[in-house]
Amino acid sequence: MSAVTKPAAAGAAGGGWRPFGAALVVVFGAAIWATLAQHASMDAMGGMQMAGGWTLSAAWLRPCGWRAGRAFAAFAGMWGAMTTTMMLPVLAPVLWRYRQSLGPLGEARAAWLVVVAGAGYFSVWMALGAIVFPGGTALAAVAARLPALAAAMPFAVGAVVLGAGVLQFSGWKARRLACCRHAPDDACARRAGAAAAVAWWYGVRTALRCGACCGNLMAVALAAGMMDLHAMAVVTVAIAAERLAPDGERVARIVGGVAIGAGAARIACAAAGLV
């Protein structure tokens, strides 16, 4: 049984688990609410029709009168809500095991260190968003000026989905998945009571391992469209299933097969002009 799915130690289901679970439910609910609110805001803004029959998401369009900083802040809000909603289901067991590893600390101190570790985790995803935003806006600007590039984008999306599916069958993916599913509580976790900086670094390391494992699936969510609720839901379930299910390696291959089929279908639709 993996370290992610193994039962908690005796007594862990008592008072410590209940406030932890309640806090996670509150955070997850707030993230879902923020995601739905951001999605509604983007729908109200609309998108831009592009050559090739697809619509450019409003996430990559800077409204008239907005400076770059304001546009990035709006994107960061969307990105933060999206990544929290998608990644919290797989982060929750890790944070709980981390809380268990802290030992006999006071509840307030332990809760603070768990919050710091979670903040470190999501800081990595926010840093990734800071890289994605200028790249996405630049690509959108070029595609808006070059119809040939815009017309090729549906093929590129299909290729991204197809490539993500192929990667699910690779040894590289298997090693990354095993690292996430079976990673033991390391010395960093056991020393976490020493300083908040150590807890932060634990969260950062967890995020780096997590991103390496599910980066291909997150790329599918991005390629399908920023804040596309259907794509987000499918990718969230896929990431959680391959990480938490008892036979995660088999789940990963099933996800890969579905992604390959979906990518091939997208490419075929693009070739037929059915985007």
Protein backbone atom coordinates (compact mmCIF):
# COMPACT_ATOMS: atom_id res chain seq x y z
CA MET A 1 0.00 0.00 0.00
CA SER A 2 1.38 3.41 -0.90
CA ALA A 3 2.40 6.03 1.62
CA VAL A 4 -0.31 8.27 0.24
CA THR A 5 -3.13 5.81 0.82
CA LYS A 6 -1.98 3.97 3.94
CA PRO A 7 -4.13 4.41 7.03
CA ALA A 8 -3.10 7.03 9.51
CA ALA A 9 -1.43 5.93 12.70
CA ALA A 10 -3.50 4.85 15.67
CA GLY A 11 -5.27 7.74 17.29
CA ALA A 12 -4.83 10.04 14.28
CA ALA A 13 -8.52 9.88 13.52
CA GLY A 14 -9.28 11.70 16.74
CA GLY A 15 -9.32 15.39 17.44
CA GLY A 16 -6.34 16.21 15.20
CA TRP A 17 -7.95 14.92 12.03
CA ARG A 18 -11.25 16.72 12.44
CA PRO A 19 -9.97 20.32 12.46
CA PHE A 20 -7.51 19.42 9.71
CA GLY A 21 -10.28 17.99 7.53
CA ALA A 22 -12.60 20.90 8.30
CA ALA A 23 -9.93 23.41 7.30
CA LEU A 24 -9.32 21.57 4.04
CA VAL A 25 -13.04 21.53 3.25
CA VAL A 26 -13.22 25.29 3.83
CA VAL A 27 -10.17 25.98 1.65
CA PHE A 28 -11.39 23.65 -1.10
CA GLY A 29 -14.86 25.19 -1.04
CA ALA A 30 -13.39 28.69 -1.24
CA ALA A 31 -11.19 27.64 -4.16
CA ILE A 32 -14.16 26.18 -6.04
CA TRP A 33 -16.19 29.33 -5.39
CA ALA A 34 -13.33 31.52 -6.64
CA THR A 35 -12.92 29.32 -9.72
CA LEU A 36 -16.60 29.55 -10.60
CA ALA A 37 -16.58 33.32 -10.01
CA GLN A 38 -13.53 33.75 -12.24
CA HIS A 39 -15.10 31.57 -14.90
CA ALA A 40 -18.29 33.65 -14.85
CA SER A 41 -16.22 36.83 -15.13
CA MET A 42 -14.37 35.45 -18.14
CA ASP A 43 -17.63 34.40 -19.77
CA ALA A 44 -18.92 37.93 -19.32
CA MET A 45 -15.79 39.33 -20.98
CA GLY A 46 -16.13 36.96 -23.92
CA GLY A 47 -13.29 35.90 -26.19
CA MET A 48 -11.83 36.61 -29.60
CA GLN A 49 -12.76 34.58 -32.66
CA MET A 50 -9.61 33.36 -34.37
CA ALA A 51 -8.75 31.93 -37.75
CA GLY A 52 -9.33 28.19 -37.64
CA GLY A 53 -12.72 28.50 -35.98
CA TRP A 54 -11.65 28.63 -32.34
CA THR A 55 -12.09 31.28 -29.66
CA LEU A 56 -9.18 32.81 -27.78
CA SER A 57 -9.85 32.78 -24.03
CA ALA A 58 -10.33 36.13 -22.33
CA ALA A 59 -7.59 35.08 -19.89
CA TRP A 60 -5.01 35.99 -22.54
CA LEU A 61 -6.64 39.27 -23.58
CA ARG A 62 -5.80 42.53 -21.82
CA PRO A 63 -8.95 44.67 -21.52
CA CYS A 64 -8.71 48.21 -22.84
CA GLY A 65 -7.13 50.56 -20.33
CA TRP A 66 -5.55 47.82 -18.23
CA ARG A 67 -1.85 48.04 -17.47
CA ALA A 68 0.31 44.93 -17.54
CA GLY A 69 0.37 44.71 -13.74
CA ARG A 70 -3.40 44.69 -13.45
CA ALA A 71 -3.71 42.10 -16.20
CA PHE A 72 -1.17 39.87 -14.45
CA ALA A 73 -2.98 40.28 -11.12
CA ALA A 74 -6.23 39.15 -12.74
CA PHE A 75 -4.44 36.16 -14.29
CA ALA A 76 -2.80 35.32 -10.96
CA GLY A 77 -6.22 35.23 -9.32
CA MET A 78 -7.51 32.82 -11.95
CA TRP A 79 -4.36 30.71 -11.85
CA GLY A 80 -4.34 30.54 -8.06
CA ALA A 81 -7.98 29.48 -7.89
CA MET A 82 -7.48 26.90 -10.64
CA THR A 83 -4.35 25.29 -9.21
CA THR A 84 -5.73 25.20 -5.67
CA THR A 85 -8.91 23.51 -6.84
CA MET A 86 -7.05 20.99 -8.97
CA MET A 87 -4.13 20.14 -6.69
CA LEU A 88 -5.60 20.26 -3.18
CA PRO A 89 -7.15 16.76 -3.45
CA VAL A 90 -3.69 15.21 -3.92
CA LEU A 91 -1.94 17.61 -1.54
CA ALA A 92 -4.29 16.89 1.37
CA PRO A 93 -2.94 13.40 2.20
CA VAL A 94 0.63 14.71 1.96
CA LEU A 95 -0.12 17.53 4.39
CA TRP A 96 -1.78 15.11 6.78
CA ARG A 97 1.23 12.79 6.78
CA TYR A 98 3.38 15.86 7.28
CA ARG A 99 1.26 16.86 10.28
CA GLN A 100 1.71 13.34 11.67
CA SER A 101 5.47 13.60 11.28
CA LEU A 102 5.70 16.73 13.42
CA GLY A 103 5.36 14.74 16.61
CA PRO A 104 4.15 16.11 19.93
CA LEU A 105 3.92 19.79 19.06
CA GLY A 106 1.16 22.07 20.23
CA GLU A 107 -1.86 22.21 17.94
CA ALA A 108 -1.32 25.88 17.10
CA ARG A 109 2.35 25.36 16.23
CA ALA A 110 1.61 22.25 14.16
CA ALA A 111 -1.23 23.99 12.31
CA TRP A 112 1.04 26.94 11.54
CA LEU A 113 3.74 24.69 10.09
CA VAL A 114 1.18 22.85 7.94
CA VAL A 115 -0.04 26.21 6.62
CA VAL A 116 3.55 27.23 5.85
CA ALA A 117 4.18 23.95 4.03
CA GLY A 118 1.00 24.43 1.99
CA ALA A 119 2.02 28.00 1.17
CA GLY A 120 5.41 26.75 0.01
CA TYR A 121 3.70 24.18 -2.19
CA PHE A 122 1.42 26.68 -3.91
CA SER A 123 4.20 29.27 -4.22
CA VAL A 124 5.81 26.94 -6.76
CA TRP A 125 2.59 26.78 -8.78
CA MET A 126 2.26 30.56 -8.62
CA ALA A 127 5.84 30.93 -9.84
CA LEU A 128 4.96 28.64 -12.74
CA GLY A 129 1.97 30.86 -13.47
CA ALA A 130 4.30 33.86 -13.60
CA ILE A 131 6.15 32.06 -16.41
CA VAL A 132 3.01 30.86 -18.19
CA PHE A 133 1.38 34.31 -18.30
CA PRO A 134 3.91 36.19 -20.46
CA GLY A 135 4.35 33.16 -22.71
CA GLY A 136 0.61 32.75 -23.19
CA THR A 137 -0.06 36.43 -23.80
CA ALA A 138 2.82 36.66 -26.28
CA LEU A 139 1.57 33.61 -28.18
CA ALA A 140 -1.96 35.03 -28.20
CA ALA A 141 -0.72 38.37 -29.54
CA VAL A 142 1.25 36.70 -32.32
CA ALA A 143 -1.65 34.39 -33.23
CA ALA A 144 -3.98 37.41 -33.45
CA ARG A 145 -1.67 38.95 -36.05
CA LEU A 146 -0.77 35.80 -37.99
CA PRO A 147 -3.86 33.96 -39.29
CA ALA A 148 -1.71 31.01 -40.37
CA LEU A 149 -0.49 30.49 -36.82
CA ALA A 150 -4.01 30.89 -35.45
CA ALA A 151 -5.30 28.29 -37.90
CA ALA A 152 -2.61 25.86 -36.73
CA MET A 153 -3.48 26.18 -33.04
CA PRO A 154 -6.22 23.49 -33.03
CA PHE A 155 -3.62 21.05 -34.40
CA ALA A 156 -1.18 22.16 -31.69
CA VAL A 157 -3.77 21.57 -28.97
CA GLY A 158 -4.41 18.08 -30.29
CA ALA A 159 -0.68 17.42 -30.38
CA VAL A 160 -0.29 18.54 -26.76
CA VAL A 161 -3.08 16.23 -25.61
CA LEU A 162 -1.70 13.37 -27.69
CA GLY A 163 1.83 13.93 -26.38
CA ALA A 164 0.58 14.05 -22.79
CA GLY A 165 -1.11 10.70 -23.34
CA VAL A 166 2.02 9.12 -24.80
CA LEU A 167 4.05 10.37 -21.83
CA GLN A 168 1.72 8.48 -19.48
CA PHE A 169 3.21 5.21 -20.79
CA SER A 170 6.85 6.27 -20.38
CA GLY A 171 9.32 5.05 -17.80
CA TRP A 172 9.93 8.67 -16.85
CA LYS A 173 6.27 9.08 -15.86
CA ALA A 174 6.31 5.78 -13.98
CA ARG A 175 9.30 6.91 -11.92
CA ARG A 176 7.76 10.31 -11.16
CA LEU A 177 4.47 8.70 -10.18
CA ALA A 178 6.22 6.18 -7.93
CA CYS A 179 8.10 9.05 -6.30
CA CYS A 180 4.85 10.84 -5.48
CA ARG A 181 2.94 7.73 -4.40
CA HIS A 182 5.63 6.07 -2.28
CA ALA A 183 7.89 8.90 -1.15
CA PRO A 184 8.73 8.31 2.52
CA ASP A 185 8.58 11.02 5.15
CA ASP A 186 12.14 12.31 4.86
CA ALA A 187 14.37 13.99 7.39
CA CYS A 188 13.07 17.36 6.25
CA ALA A 189 9.61 16.40 7.45
CA ARG A 190 10.85 14.99 10.74
CA ARG A 191 12.81 18.17 11.48
CA ALA A 192 9.93 20.42 10.51
CA GLY A 193 9.33 21.61 14.04
CA ALA A 194 12.69 23.38 13.96
CA ALA A 195 11.72 26.34 11.81
CA ALA A 196 9.06 27.63 9.47
CA ALA A 197 11.71 27.86 6.74
CA VAL A 198 12.12 24.09 6.85
CA ALA A 199 8.36 23.64 6.53
CA TRP A 200 8.33 26.02 3.56
CA TRP A 201 11.11 24.07 1.86
CA TYR A 202 9.23 20.83 2.46
CA GLY A 203 6.23 22.30 0.63
CA VAL A 204 8.43 23.52 -2.22
CA ARG A 205 10.05 20.11 -2.64
CA THR A 206 6.66 18.44 -2.62
CA ALA A 207 5.42 20.81 -5.33
CA LEU A 208 8.46 20.16 -7.51
CA ARG A 209 7.90 16.40 -7.30
CA CYS A 210 4.19 16.88 -7.91
CA GLY A 211 4.69 19.18 -10.90
CA ALA A 212 7.14 16.77 -12.49
CA CYS A 213 4.58 13.98 -12.15
CA CYS A 214 1.44 15.74 -13.37
CA GLY A 215 2.89 18.49 -15.55
CA ASN A 216 1.80 16.73 -18.74
CA LEU A 217 -1.80 16.57 -17.52
CA MET A 218 -1.75 20.21 -16.41
CA ALA A 219 -0.53 21.06 -19.92
CA VAL A 220 -3.69 19.40 -21.24
CA ALA A 221 -5.83 21.64 -19.03
CA LEU A 222 -3.99 24.72 -20.28
CA ALA A 223 -4.15 23.67 -23.92
CA ALA A 224 -7.86 22.94 -23.68
CA GLY A 225 -8.49 26.49 -22.53
CA MET A 226 -7.71 28.58 -19.47
CA MET A 227 -10.45 28.04 -16.86
CA ASP A 228 -12.32 25.50 -19.02
CA LEU A 229 -14.37 23.83 -16.31
CA HIS A 230 -14.84 20.54 -18.15
CA ALA A 231 -11.11 20.19 -18.83
CA MET A 232 -10.29 21.15 -15.25
CA ALA A 233 -12.67 18.55 -13.84
CA VAL A 234 -11.36 15.77 -16.07
CA VAL A 235 -7.71 16.56 -15.37
CA THR A 236 -8.34 16.91 -11.62
CA VAL A 237 -9.97 13.47 -11.50
CA ALA A 238 -7.17 11.97 -13.60
CA ILE A 239 -4.42 13.40 -11.38
CA ALA A 240 -6.17 12.32 -8.19
CA ALA A 241 -6.94 8.84 -9.51
CA GLU A 242 -3.41 8.02 -10.64
CA ARG A 243 -1.98 9.40 -7.41
CA LEU A 244 -4.41 8.02 -4.84
CA ALA A 245 -6.01 4.88 -6.34
CA PRO A 246 -4.59 1.54 -5.12
CA ASP A 247 -3.45 0.62 -8.65
CA GLY A 248 -2.28 4.06 -9.71
CA GLU A 249 0.11 2.81 -12.37
CA ARG A 250 -2.74 1.10 -14.21
CA VAL A 251 -4.89 4.20 -13.84
CA ALA A 252 -2.10 6.27 -15.37
CA ARG A 253 -2.05 4.02 -18.43
CA ILE A 254 -5.83 4.25 -18.77
CA VAL A 255 -5.59 8.03 -18.57
CA GLY A 256 -2.87 7.91 -21.20
CA GLY A 257 -5.01 5.86 -23.56
CA VAL A 258 -7.94 8.26 -23.17
CA ALA A 259 -5.66 11.25 -23.78
CA ILE A 260 -4.17 9.68 -26.90
CA GLY A 261 -7.64 9.06 -28.27
CA ALA A 262 -8.80 12.58 -27.40
CA GLY A 263 -5.70 14.14 -28.94
CA ALA A 264 -6.05 12.14 -32.15
CA ALA A 265 -9.72 13.10 -32.34
CA ARG A 266 -8.87 16.79 -31.92
CA ILE A 267 -6.30 16.61 -34.69
CA ALA A 268 -8.77 14.84 -36.97
CA CYS A 269 -11.45 17.45 -36.22
CA ALA A 270 -8.98 20.24 -36.91
CA ALA A 271 -8.05 18.66 -40.24
CA ALA A 272 -11.73 18.37 -41.15
CA GLY A 273 -12.44 21.94 -40.08
CA LEU A 274 -14.79 20.82 -37.30
CA VAL A 275 -13.15 22.73 -34.43
